[in-house]
Each structure stands twice: as C-alpha cells, then as structure tokens.
Amino acid sequence: MGRRTTLPHPWRDLAKSAGGVLKLADALGVNYRTIENWGKGSVPQSEAVRDYVAAFAYRRGIVVQWGAPRRRCKAAA
C-alpha cells in the first residue's frame, strides 16, 4: 500500500474513483508525481489535458471546475 496523499477536489475524487493516485496516473498515461503536481497547482495543465481529465471525470460522475468535456477520449470509455 502506498503512502497517503492529500489532493484537493477534483484530483482527490478522481484518484479515489481510479483506485489510488498510481492507478489514476496509469489511466491518464502520466507519472504519479504529475498528478500530485497538478493537484498542488505547481504545474499548470494545458487545455488538451484539461479536456482529457474532464472526460475521465465526467464518465465517473465527478464534476471538475474547468467544465465538461468537449470531446470523447479513450480514458472516458
């Protein structure tokens, strides 16, 4: 079991729905540190990343602050 990570909404909810930060990172195709940095706000996301994450969240019933997805992606399936 990994160490406990404190992430803000929606990252915390996304990680919980995916089964943890590592599984969320695998599902999004990024390193777990990237998820932590996005959650902290120390690394900004591009608009494409925001759309991808929004689609992932939308399929899991999680509302993200930056809006609903404009297109479908593999993570949303």
PDB file of N, CA and C in Angstrom:
ATOM      1  N   MET A   1       0.839  -1.174   0.000  1.00  0.00           N
ATOM      2  CA  MET A   1       0.000   0.000   0.000  1.00  0.00           C
ATOM      3  C   MET A   1       0.888   1.242   0.000  1.00  0.00           C
ATOM      4  N   GLY A   2       0.524   2.226  -0.796  1.00  0.00           N
ATOM      5  CA  GLY A   2       1.305   3.450  -0.908  1.00  0.00           C
ATOM      6  C   GLY A   2       1.030   4.406   0.239  1.00  0.00           C
ATOM      7  N   ARG A   3       1.807   5.465   0.247  1.00  0.00           N
ATOM      8  CA  ARG A   3       1.605   6.457   1.302  1.00  0.00           C
ATOM      9  C   ARG A   3       0.371   7.298   1.002  1.00  0.00           C
ATOM     10  N   ARG A   4      -0.210   7.833   2.046  1.00  0.00           N
ATOM     11  CA  ARG A   4      -1.416   8.638   1.894  1.00  0.00           C
ATOM     12  C   ARG A   4      -1.052   9.982   1.266  1.00  0.00           C
ATOM     13  N   THR A   5      -1.835  10.391   0.277  1.00  0.00           N
ATOM     14  CA  THR A   5      -1.612  11.646  -0.417  1.00  0.00           C
ATOM     15  C   THR A   5      -2.824  12.542  -0.209  1.00  0.00           C
ATOM     16  N   THR A   6      -2.574  13.804   0.066  1.00  0.00           N
ATOM     17  CA  THR A   6      -3.662  14.766   0.227  1.00  0.00           C
ATOM     18  C   THR A   6      -3.764  15.595  -1.042  1.00  0.00           C
ATOM     19  N   LEU A   7      -4.841  15.412  -1.769  1.00  0.00           N
ATOM     20  CA  LEU A   7      -5.085  16.151  -3.004  1.00  0.00           C
ATOM     21  C   LEU A   7      -6.386  16.931  -2.860  1.00  0.00           C
ATOM     22  N   PRO A   8      -6.478  18.083  -3.502  1.00  0.00           N
ATOM     23  CA  PRO A   8      -7.738  18.833  -3.480  1.00  0.00           C
ATOM     24  C   PRO A   8      -8.740  18.239  -4.481  1.00  0.00           C
ATOM     25  N   HIS A   9      -9.985  18.639  -4.354  1.00  0.00           N
ATOM     26  CA  HIS A   9     -11.004  18.279  -5.338  1.00  0.00           C
ATOM     27  C   HIS A   9     -10.631  18.943  -6.655  1.00  0.00           C
ATOM     28  N   PRO A  10     -10.781  18.372  -7.800  1.00  0.00           N
ATOM     29  CA  PRO A  10     -11.334  17.060  -8.105  1.00  0.00           C
ATOM     30  C   PRO A  10     -10.307  15.933  -8.112  1.00  0.00           C
ATOM     31  N   TRP A  11      -9.043  16.256  -7.932  1.00  0.00           N
ATOM     32  CA  TRP A  11      -7.991  15.226  -8.015  1.00  0.00           C
ATOM     33  C   TRP A  11      -8.176  14.134  -6.982  1.00  0.00           C
ATOM     34  N   ARG A  12      -8.571  14.498  -5.769  1.00  0.00           N
ATOM     35  CA  ARG A  12      -8.795  13.515  -4.708  1.00  0.00           C
ATOM     36  C   ARG A  12      -9.892  12.538  -5.125  1.00  0.00           C
ATOM     37  N   ASP A  13     -10.994  13.076  -5.655  1.00  0.00           N
ATOM     38  CA  ASP A  13     -12.113  12.227  -6.073  1.00  0.00           C
ATOM     39  C   ASP A  13     -11.746  11.362  -7.276  1.00  0.00           C
ATOM     40  N   LEU A  14     -10.972  11.916  -8.196  1.00  0.00           N
ATOM     41  CA  LEU A  14     -10.523  11.142  -9.347  1.00  0.00           C
ATOM     42  C   LEU A  14      -9.628   9.988  -8.911  1.00  0.00           C
ATOM     43  N   ALA A  15      -8.698  10.263  -8.003  1.00  0.00           N
ATOM     44  CA  ALA A  15      -7.800   9.214  -7.515  1.00  0.00           C
ATOM     45  C   ALA A  15      -8.591   8.129  -6.790  1.00  0.00           C
ATOM     46  N   LYS A  16      -9.563   8.540  -5.997  1.00  0.00           N
ATOM     47  CA  LYS A  16     -10.385   7.570  -5.270  1.00  0.00           C
ATOM     48  C   LYS A  16     -11.167   6.690  -6.243  1.00  0.00           C
ATOM     49  N   SER A  17     -11.742   7.293  -7.284  1.00  0.00           N
ATOM     50  CA  SER A  17     -12.533   6.524  -8.241  1.00  0.00           C
ATOM     51  C   SER A  17     -11.670   5.578  -9.075  1.00  0.00           C
ATOM     52  N   ALA A  18     -10.400   5.933  -9.273  1.00  0.00           N
ATOM     53  CA  ALA A  18      -9.497   5.089 -10.059  1.00  0.00           C
ATOM     54  C   ALA A  18      -8.839   4.007  -9.215  1.00  0.00           C
ATOM     55  N   GLY A  19      -8.902   4.138  -7.892  1.00  0.00           N
ATOM     56  CA  GLY A  19      -8.274   3.154  -7.022  1.00  0.00           C
ATOM     57  C   GLY A  19      -6.939   3.602  -6.466  1.00  0.00           C
ATOM     58  N   GLY A  20      -6.677   4.890  -6.529  1.00  0.00           N
ATOM     59  CA  GLY A  20      -5.437   5.444  -5.993  1.00  0.00           C
ATOM     60  C   GLY A  20      -4.730   6.327  -6.997  1.00  0.00           C
ATOM     61  N   VAL A  21      -3.761   7.079  -6.509  1.00  0.00           N
ATOM     62  CA  VAL A  21      -3.027   8.009  -7.371  1.00  0.00           C
ATOM     63  C   VAL A  21      -2.255   7.261  -8.455  1.00  0.00           C
ATOM     64  N   LEU A  22      -1.641   6.131  -8.099  1.00  0.00           N
ATOM     65  CA  LEU A  22      -0.873   5.366  -9.088  1.00  0.00           C
ATOM     66  C   LEU A  22      -1.763   4.858 -10.220  1.00  0.00           C
ATOM     67  N   LYS A  23      -2.937   4.363  -9.869  1.00  0.00           N
ATOM     68  CA  LYS A  23      -3.852   3.858 -10.900  1.00  0.00           C
ATOM     69  C   LYS A  23      -4.416   5.005 -11.739  1.00  0.00           C
ATOM     70  N   LEU A  24      -4.670   6.151 -11.113  1.00  0.00           N
ATOM     71  CA  LEU A  24      -5.117   7.316 -11.875  1.00  0.00           C
ATOM     72  C   LEU A  24      -4.042   7.747 -12.853  1.00  0.00           C
ATOM     73  N   ALA A  25      -2.802   7.785 -12.388  1.00  0.00           N
ATOM     74  CA  ALA A  25      -1.688   8.158 -13.260  1.00  0.00           C
ATOM     75  C   ALA A  25      -1.571   7.189 -14.437  1.00  0.00           C
ATOM     76  N   ASP A  26      -1.704   5.893 -14.173  1.00  0.00           N
ATOM     77  CA  ASP A  26      -1.660   4.906 -15.249  1.00  0.00           C
ATOM     78  C   ASP A  26      -2.798   5.119 -16.247  1.00  0.00           C
ATOM     79  N   ALA A  27      -4.003   5.387 -15.728  1.00  0.00           N
ATOM     80  CA  ALA A  27      -5.167   5.589 -16.598  1.00  0.00           C
ATOM     81  C   ALA A  27      -5.006   6.827 -17.480  1.00  0.00           C
ATOM     82  N   LEU A  28      -4.344   7.858 -16.944  1.00  0.00           N
ATOM     83  CA  LEU A  28      -4.153   9.090 -17.712  1.00  0.00           C
ATOM     84  C   LEU A  28      -2.853   9.087 -18.503  1.00  0.00           C
ATOM     85  N   GLY A  29      -2.015   8.081 -18.270  1.00  0.00           N
ATOM     86  CA  GLY A  29      -0.769   7.964 -19.016  1.00  0.00           C
ATOM     87  C   GLY A  29       0.310   8.943 -18.580  1.00  0.00           C
ATOM     88  N   VAL A  30       0.335   9.256 -17.278  1.00  0.00           N
ATOM     89  CA  VAL A  30       1.332  10.175 -16.741  1.00  0.00           C
ATOM     90  C   VAL A  30       1.973   9.560 -15.501  1.00  0.00           C
ATOM     91  N   ASN A  31       3.014  10.176 -15.003  1.00  0.00           N
ATOM     92  CA  ASN A  31       3.677   9.762 -13.775  1.00  0.00           C
ATOM     93  C   ASN A  31       2.835  10.211 -12.582  1.00  0.00           C
ATOM     94  N   TYR A  32       2.904   9.449 -11.492  1.00  0.00           N
ATOM     95  CA  TYR A  32       2.110   9.823 -10.312  1.00  0.00           C
ATOM     96  C   TYR A  32       2.507  11.191  -9.766  1.00  0.00           C
ATOM     97  N   ARG A  33       3.754  11.574  -9.934  1.00  0.00           N
ATOM     98  CA  ARG A  33       4.198  12.897  -9.475  1.00  0.00           C
ATOM     99  C   ARG A  33       3.492  14.009 -10.268  1.00  0.00           C
ATOM    100  N   THR A  34       3.189  13.737 -11.519  1.00  0.00           N
ATOM    101  CA  THR A  34       2.460  14.711 -12.332  1.00  0.00           C
ATOM    102  C   THR A  34       1.077  14.957 -11.737  1.00  0.00           C
ATOM    103  N   ILE A  35       0.406  13.892 -11.319  1.00  0.00           N
ATOM    104  CA  ILE A  35      -0.912  14.027 -10.679  1.00  0.00           C
ATOM    105  C   ILE A  35      -0.784  14.879  -9.417  1.00  0.00           C
ATOM    106  N   GLU A  36       0.233  14.581  -8.614  1.00  0.00           N
ATOM    107  CA  GLU A  36       0.429  15.353  -7.384  1.00  0.00           C
ATOM    108  C   GLU A  36       0.722  16.821  -7.693  1.00  0.00           C
ATOM    109  N   ASN A  37       1.543  17.081  -8.708  1.00  0.00           N
ATOM    110  CA  ASN A  37       1.862  18.466  -9.079  1.00  0.00           C
ATOM    111  C   ASN A  37       0.645  19.187  -9.641  1.00  0.00           C
ATOM    112  N   TRP A  38      -0.161  18.511 -10.442  1.00  0.00           N
ATOM    113  CA  TRP A  38      -1.389  19.123 -10.940  1.00  0.00           C
ATOM    114  C   TRP A  38      -2.317  19.446  -9.771  1.00  0.00           C
ATOM    115  N   GLY A  39      -2.425  18.520  -8.822  1.00  0.00           N
ATOM    116  CA  GLY A  39      -3.285  18.729  -7.663  1.00  0.00           C
ATOM    117  C   GLY A  39      -2.841  19.906  -6.814  1.00  0.00           C
ATOM    118  N   LYS A  40      -1.532  20.065  -6.650  1.00  0.00           N
ATOM    119  CA  LYS A  40      -0.991  21.184  -5.874  1.00  0.00           C
ATOM    120  C   LYS A  40      -1.079  22.503  -6.632  1.00  0.00           C
ATOM    121  N   GLY A  41      -1.213  22.425  -7.956  1.00  0.00           N
ATOM    122  CA  GLY A  41      -1.248  23.627  -8.770  1.00  0.00           C
ATOM    123  C   GLY A  41       0.138  24.137  -9.134  1.00  0.00           C
ATOM    124  N   SER A  42       1.176  23.338  -8.850  1.00  0.00           N
ATOM    125  CA  SER A  42       2.538  23.781  -9.153  1.00  0.00           C
ATOM    126  C   SER A  42       2.896  23.595 -10.626  1.00  0.00           C
ATOM    127  N   VAL A  43       2.126  22.773 -11.337  1.00  0.00           N
ATOM    128  CA  VAL A  43       2.325  22.581 -12.771  1.00  0.00           C
ATOM    129  C   VAL A  43       0.972  22.790 -13.455  1.00  0.00           C
ATOM    130  N   PRO A  44       0.867  23.795 -14.316  1.00  0.00           N
ATOM    131  CA  PRO A  44      -0.417  24.026 -14.991  1.00  0.00           C
ATOM    132  C   PRO A  44      -0.692  22.961 -16.053  1.00  0.00           C
ATOM    133  N   GLN A  45      -1.971  22.702 -16.297  1.00  0.00           N
ATOM    134  CA  GLN A  45      -2.364  21.759 -17.335  1.00  0.00           C
ATOM    135  C   GLN A  45      -2.712  22.529 -18.605  1.00  0.00           C
ATOM    136  N   SER A  46      -2.396  21.926 -19.733  1.00  0.00           N
ATOM    137  CA  SER A  46      -2.802  22.526 -20.999  1.00  0.00           C
ATOM    138  C   SER A  46      -4.305  22.313 -21.175  1.00  0.00           C
ATOM    139  N   GLU A  47      -4.866  23.008 -22.130  1.00  0.00           N
ATOM    140  CA  GLU A  47      -6.301  22.851 -22.389  1.00  0.00           C
ATOM    141  C   GLU A  47      -6.622  21.424 -22.828  1.00  0.00           C
ATOM    142  N   ALA A  48      -5.741  20.810 -23.597  1.00  0.00           N
ATOM    143  CA  ALA A  48      -5.956  19.433 -24.040  1.00  0.00           C
ATOM    144  C   ALA A  48      -5.983  18.472 -22.846  1.00  0.00           C
ATOM    145  N   VAL A  49      -5.089  18.680 -21.900  1.00  0.00           N
ATOM    146  CA  VAL A  49      -5.057  17.839 -20.701  1.00  0.00           C
ATOM    147  C   VAL A  49      -6.322  18.053 -19.889  1.00  0.00           C
ATOM    148  N   ARG A  50      -6.745  19.289 -19.765  1.00  0.00           N
ATOM    149  CA  ARG A  50      -7.973  19.563 -19.018  1.00  0.00           C
ATOM    150  C   ARG A  50      -9.177  18.876 -19.667  1.00  0.00           C
ATOM    151  N   ASP A  51      -9.256  18.891 -20.988  1.00  0.00           N
ATOM    152  CA  ASP A  51     -10.349  18.206 -21.684  1.00  0.00           C
ATOM    153  C   ASP A  51     -10.292  16.700 -21.437  1.00  0.00           C
ATOM    154  N   TYR A  52      -9.098  16.145 -21.481  1.00  0.00           N
ATOM    155  CA  TYR A  52      -8.900  14.707 -21.279  1.00  0.00           C
ATOM    156  C   TYR A  52      -9.313  14.307 -19.862  1.00  0.00           C
ATOM    157  N   VAL A  53      -8.863  15.069 -18.883  1.00  0.00           N
ATOM    158  CA  VAL A  53      -9.194  14.784 -17.488  1.00  0.00           C
ATOM    159  C   VAL A  53     -10.686  15.020 -17.240  1.00  0.00           C
ATOM    160  N   ALA A  54     -11.250  16.047 -17.849  1.00  0.00           N
ATOM    161  CA  ALA A  54     -12.683  16.320 -17.693  1.00  0.00           C
ATOM    162  C   ALA A  54     -13.517  15.165 -18.240  1.00  0.00           C
ATOM    163  N   ALA A  55     -13.107  14.578 -19.360  1.00  0.00           N
ATOM    164  CA  ALA A  55     -13.811  13.433 -19.923  1.00  0.00           C
ATOM    165  C   ALA A  55     -13.705  12.226 -18.988  1.00  0.00           C
ATOM    166  N   PHE A  56     -12.524  12.016 -18.450  1.00  0.00           N
ATOM    167  CA  PHE A  56     -12.294  10.931 -17.492  1.00  0.00           C
ATOM    168  C   PHE A  56     -13.200  11.115 -16.275  1.00  0.00           C
ATOM    169  N   ALA A  57     -13.255  12.324 -15.751  1.00  0.00           N
ATOM    170  CA  ALA A  57     -14.073  12.625 -14.580  1.00  0.00           C
ATOM    171  C   ALA A  57     -15.562  12.515 -14.891  1.00  0.00           C
ATOM    172  N   TYR A  58     -15.969  13.018 -16.034  1.00  0.00           N
ATOM    173  CA  TYR A  58     -17.377  13.026 -16.430  1.00  0.00           C
ATOM    174  C   TYR A  58     -17.953  11.610 -16.441  1.00  0.00           C
ATOM    175  N   ARG A  59     -17.186  10.653 -16.973  1.00  0.00           N
ATOM    176  CA  ARG A  59     -17.652   9.270 -17.042  1.00  0.00           C
ATOM    177  C   ARG A  59     -17.782   8.644 -15.661  1.00  0.00           C
ATOM    178  N   ARG A  60     -17.145   9.236 -14.676  1.00  0.00           N
ATOM    179  CA  ARG A  60     -17.206   8.719 -13.316  1.00  0.00           C
ATOM    180  C   ARG A  60     -18.126   9.548 -12.427  1.00  0.00           C
ATOM    181  N   GLY A  61     -18.808  10.516 -13.021  1.00  0.00           N
ATOM    182  CA  GLY A  61     -19.760  11.328 -12.269  1.00  0.00           C
ATOM    183  C   GLY A  61     -19.116  12.367 -11.371  1.00  0.00           C
ATOM    184  N   ILE A  62     -17.882  12.759 -11.714  1.00  0.00           N
ATOM    185  CA  ILE A  62     -17.161  13.754 -10.916  1.00  0.00           C
ATOM    186  C   ILE A  62     -17.155  15.068 -11.671  1.00  0.00           C
ATOM    187  N   VAL A  63     -17.544  16.127 -10.997  1.00  0.00           N
ATOM    188  CA  VAL A  63     -17.580  17.454 -11.609  1.00  0.00           C
ATOM    189  C   VAL A  63     -16.226  18.120 -11.409  1.00  0.00           C
ATOM    190  N   VAL A  64     -15.654  18.607 -12.508  1.00  0.00           N
ATOM    191  CA  VAL A  64     -14.389  19.339 -12.417  1.00  0.00           C
ATOM    192  C   VAL A  64     -14.665  20.825 -12.586  1.00  0.00           C
ATOM    193  N   GLN A  65     -13.825  21.650 -12.017  1.00  0.00           N
ATOM    194  CA  GLN A  65     -14.051  23.095 -12.020  1.00  0.00           C
ATOM    195  C   GLN A  65     -13.935  23.701 -13.407  1.00  0.00           C
ATOM    196  N   TRP A  66     -13.151  23.103 -14.276  1.00  0.00           N
ATOM    197  CA  TRP A  66     -12.909  23.743 -15.564  1.00  0.00           C
ATOM    198  C   TRP A  66     -13.885  23.312 -16.638  1.00  0.00           C
ATOM    199  N   GLY A  67     -14.971  22.624 -16.269  1.00  0.00           N
ATOM    200  CA  GLY A  67     -16.062  22.368 -17.199  1.00  0.00           C
ATOM    201  C   GLY A  67     -16.134  20.952 -17.712  1.00  0.00           C
ATOM    202  N   ALA A  68     -17.170  20.703 -18.484  1.00  0.00           N
ATOM    203  CA  ALA A  68     -17.428  19.379 -19.049  1.00  0.00           C
ATOM    204  C   ALA A  68     -16.574  19.160 -20.293  1.00  0.00           C
ATOM    205  N   PRO A  69     -16.343  17.909 -20.631  1.00  0.00           N
ATOM    206  CA  PRO A  69     -15.517  17.622 -21.807  1.00  0.00           C
ATOM    207  C   PRO A  69     -16.196  18.051 -23.100  1.00  0.00           C
ATOM    208  N   ARG A  70     -15.393  18.472 -24.054  1.00  0.00           N
ATOM    209  CA  ARG A  70     -15.930  18.856 -25.357  1.00  0.00           C
ATOM    210  C   ARG A  70     -15.832  17.718 -26.352  1.00  0.00           C
ATOM    211  N   ARG A  71     -15.020  16.725 -26.044  1.00  0.00           N
ATOM    212  CA  ARG A  71     -14.885  15.576 -26.947  1.00  0.00           C
ATOM    213  C   ARG A  71     -14.590  14.332 -26.112  1.00  0.00           C
ATOM    214  N   ARG A  72     -14.796  13.189 -26.727  1.00  0.00           N
ATOM    215  CA  ARG A  72     -14.563  11.919 -26.038  1.00  0.00           C
ATOM    216  C   ARG A  72     -13.095  11.520 -26.165  1.00  0.00           C
ATOM    217  N   CYS A  73     -12.643  10.749 -25.219  1.00  0.00           N
ATOM    218  CA  CYS A  73     -11.272  10.246 -25.272  1.00  0.00           C
ATOM    219  C   CYS A  73     -11.253   8.802 -24.774  1.00  0.00           C
ATOM    220  N   LYS A  74     -10.144   8.124 -24.970  1.00  0.00           N
ATOM    221  CA  LYS A  74     -10.031   6.732 -24.549  1.00  0.00           C
ATOM    222  C   LYS A  74     -10.245   6.579 -23.052  1.00  0.00           C
ATOM    223  N   ALA A  75      -9.783   7.521 -22.262  1.00  0.00           N
ATOM    224  CA  ALA A  75      -9.938   7.432 -20.808  1.00  0.00           C
ATOM    225  C   ALA A  75     -11.396   7.515 -20.392  1.00  0.00           C
ATOM    226  N   ALA A  76     -12.224   8.140 -21.202  1.00  0.00           N
ATOM    227  CA  ALA A  76     -13.624   8.307 -20.859  1.00  0.00           C
ATOM    228  C   ALA A  76     -14.433   7.039 -21.117  1.00  0.00           C
ATOM    229  N   ALA A  77     -13.907   6.136 -21.901  1.00  0.00           N
ATOM    230  CA  ALA A  77     -14.638   4.906 -22.254  1.00  0.00           C
ATOM    231  C   ALA A  77     -14.690   3.918 -21.129  1.00  0.00           C
TER     232      ALA A  77
END
